[in-house]
Amino acid sequence: MTQMPIESIRDVRAHLAEVVERADRDDTPTVITRRGRQVAAVVSIEVLRRYQEWEEREINRIIDERMASPSAGVPIEDVMRETLERGE
């Protein structure tokens, strides 16, 4: 996996067009920091859409697994928490 650029919010402000172009052209996200802490990322819309599709498939997979289980029902909050904790 390619190393993601990490830039301060101040630096991103100075050359936002370049950051957006890099995300769009190379699907390379840029991590944005505020006071040294990572707080956001600029990603291409395609990367975002792929993530959203993966997330939906993963939620549906977990729901299907749980529905096939003979045990009592599982609250949707547990399914969502488990999905987010996996962070795949």
C-alpha atoms as a PDB file:
ATOM      1  CA  MET A   1       0.000   0.000   0.000  1.00  0.00           C
ATOM      2  CA  THR A   2       1.262   3.436  -0.912  1.00  0.00           C
ATOM      3  CA  GLN A   3       2.081   5.818   1.921  1.00  0.00           C
ATOM      4  CA  MET A   4      -0.627   8.457   2.275  1.00  0.00           C
ATOM      5  CA  PRO A   5       0.476  12.074   2.370  1.00  0.00           C
ATOM      6  CA  ILE A   6      -0.158  13.704   5.735  1.00  0.00           C
ATOM      7  CA  GLU A   7      -0.546  17.476   5.771  1.00  0.00           C
ATOM      8  CA  SER A   8      -1.631  20.121   8.213  1.00  0.00           C
ATOM      9  CA  ILE A   9      -4.891  21.874   7.572  1.00  0.00           C
ATOM     10  CA  ARG A  10      -2.893  25.066   6.995  1.00  0.00           C
ATOM     11  CA  ASP A  11      -0.857  23.411   4.230  1.00  0.00           C
ATOM     12  CA  VAL A  12      -3.974  21.924   2.638  1.00  0.00           C
ATOM     13  CA  ARG A  13      -5.624  25.340   2.550  1.00  0.00           C
ATOM     14  CA  ALA A  14      -2.621  26.681   0.664  1.00  0.00           C
ATOM     15  CA  HIS A  15      -2.888  24.094  -2.117  1.00  0.00           C
ATOM     16  CA  LEU A  16      -6.340  22.502  -1.916  1.00  0.00           C
ATOM     17  CA  ALA A  17      -6.668  22.177  -5.693  1.00  0.00           C
ATOM     18  CA  GLU A  18      -3.490  20.068  -5.805  1.00  0.00           C
ATOM     19  CA  VAL A  19      -4.709  17.827  -2.960  1.00  0.00           C
ATOM     20  CA  VAL A  20      -8.062  17.285  -4.713  1.00  0.00           C
ATOM     21  CA  GLU A  21      -6.354  16.636  -8.049  1.00  0.00           C
ATOM     22  CA  ARG A  22      -4.065  14.010  -6.455  1.00  0.00           C
ATOM     23  CA  ALA A  23      -7.057  12.270  -4.863  1.00  0.00           C
ATOM     24  CA  ASP A  24      -8.957  12.279  -8.152  1.00  0.00           C
ATOM     25  CA  ARG A  25      -6.040  11.333 -10.384  1.00  0.00           C
ATOM     26  CA  ASP A  26      -4.291   8.686  -8.285  1.00  0.00           C
ATOM     27  CA  ASP A  27      -6.952   7.672  -5.741  1.00  0.00           C
ATOM     28  CA  THR A  28      -4.370   8.824  -3.195  1.00  0.00           C
ATOM     29  CA  PRO A  29      -5.995  10.111  -0.003  1.00  0.00           C
ATOM     30  CA  THR A  30      -4.402  12.948   1.914  1.00  0.00           C
ATOM     31  CA  VAL A  31      -4.700  12.792   5.689  1.00  0.00           C
ATOM     32  CA  ILE A  32      -5.290  16.210   7.256  1.00  0.00           C
ATOM     33  CA  THR A  33      -3.988  17.078  10.691  1.00  0.00           C
ATOM     34  CA  ARG A  34      -4.967  19.754  13.152  1.00  0.00           C
ATOM     35  CA  ARG A  35      -2.430  20.504  15.880  1.00  0.00           C
ATOM     36  CA  GLY A  36      -0.616  17.275  14.972  1.00  0.00           C
ATOM     37  CA  ARG A  37      -3.702  15.066  15.309  1.00  0.00           C
ATOM     38  CA  GLN A  38      -5.186  13.291  12.279  1.00  0.00           C
ATOM     39  CA  VAL A  39      -8.743  14.596  11.886  1.00  0.00           C
ATOM     40  CA  ALA A  40      -9.877  14.120   8.279  1.00  0.00           C
ATOM     41  CA  ALA A  41      -8.933  12.941   4.809  1.00  0.00           C
ATOM     42  CA  VAL A  42      -9.464  14.060   1.250  1.00  0.00           C
ATOM     43  CA  VAL A  43     -10.376  11.081  -0.923  1.00  0.00           C
ATOM     44  CA  SER A  44     -11.706  10.738  -4.439  1.00  0.00           C
ATOM     45  CA  ILE A  45     -15.425  10.241  -4.839  1.00  0.00           C
ATOM     46  CA  GLU A  46     -14.669   6.786  -6.264  1.00  0.00           C
ATOM     47  CA  VAL A  47     -12.801   5.769  -3.108  1.00  0.00           C
ATOM     48  CA  LEU A  48     -15.705   7.007  -1.011  1.00  0.00           C
ATOM     49  CA  ARG A  49     -18.244   5.125  -3.134  1.00  0.00           C
ATOM     50  CA  ARG A  50     -16.207   1.883  -2.968  1.00  0.00           C
ATOM     51  CA  TYR A  51     -16.026   2.229   0.799  1.00  0.00           C
ATOM     52  CA  GLN A  52     -19.769   2.826   1.050  1.00  0.00           C
ATOM     53  CA  GLU A  53     -20.476  -0.222  -1.149  1.00  0.00           C
ATOM     54  CA  TRP A  54     -18.133  -2.366   0.953  1.00  0.00           C
ATOM     55  CA  GLU A  55     -19.784  -1.124   4.147  1.00  0.00           C
ATOM     56  CA  GLU A  56     -23.250  -1.989   2.840  1.00  0.00           C
ATOM     57  CA  ARG A  57     -22.116  -5.478   1.752  1.00  0.00           C
ATOM     58  CA  GLU A  58     -20.478  -6.051   5.123  1.00  0.00           C
ATOM     59  CA  ILE A  59     -23.587  -4.982   7.060  1.00  0.00           C
ATOM     60  CA  ASN A  60     -25.755  -7.216   4.882  1.00  0.00           C
ATOM     61  CA  ARG A  61     -23.355 -10.136   5.355  1.00  0.00           C
ATOM     62  CA  ILE A  62     -23.454  -9.772   9.129  1.00  0.00           C
ATOM     63  CA  ILE A  63     -27.239  -9.464   9.096  1.00  0.00           C
ATOM     64  CA  ASP A  64     -27.493 -12.594   6.948  1.00  0.00           C
ATOM     65  CA  GLU A  65     -25.167 -14.491   9.328  1.00  0.00           C
ATOM     66  CA  ARG A  66     -27.195 -13.416  12.327  1.00  0.00           C
ATOM     67  CA  MET A  67     -30.538 -14.190  10.681  1.00  0.00           C
ATOM     68  CA  ALA A  68     -29.325 -17.719   9.868  1.00  0.00           C
ATOM     69  CA  SER A  69     -28.344 -18.290  13.499  1.00  0.00           C
ATOM     70  CA  PRO A  70     -30.833 -20.260  15.596  1.00  0.00           C
ATOM     71  CA  SER A  71     -30.148 -18.023  18.591  1.00  0.00           C
ATOM     72  CA  ALA A  72     -32.425 -15.178  19.660  1.00  0.00           C
ATOM     73  CA  GLY A  73     -32.453 -12.004  17.588  1.00  0.00           C
ATOM     74  CA  VAL A  74     -29.553  -9.566  17.733  1.00  0.00           C
ATOM     75  CA  PRO A  75     -30.162  -5.839  18.095  1.00  0.00           C
ATOM     76  CA  ILE A  76     -29.156  -3.851  15.006  1.00  0.00           C
ATOM     77  CA  GLU A  77     -27.002  -1.652  17.270  1.00  0.00           C
ATOM     78  CA  ASP A  78     -24.834  -4.703  17.996  1.00  0.00           C
ATOM     79  CA  VAL A  79     -24.530  -5.469  14.291  1.00  0.00           C
ATOM     80  CA  MET A  80     -23.494  -1.886  13.514  1.00  0.00           C
ATOM     81  CA  ARG A  81     -20.997  -1.775  16.380  1.00  0.00           C
ATOM     82  CA  GLU A  82     -19.457  -5.092  15.322  1.00  0.00           C
ATOM     83  CA  THR A  83     -19.148  -3.898  11.726  1.00  0.00           C
ATOM     84  CA  LEU A  84     -17.478  -0.640  12.709  1.00  0.00           C
ATOM     85  CA  GLU A  85     -15.110  -2.383  15.134  1.00  0.00           C
ATOM     86  CA  ARG A  86     -13.871  -4.729  12.412  1.00  0.00           C
ATOM     87  CA  GLY A  87     -12.575  -1.771  10.406  1.00  0.00           C
ATOM     88  CA  GLU A  88     -11.647  -3.974   7.434  1.00  0.00           C
END
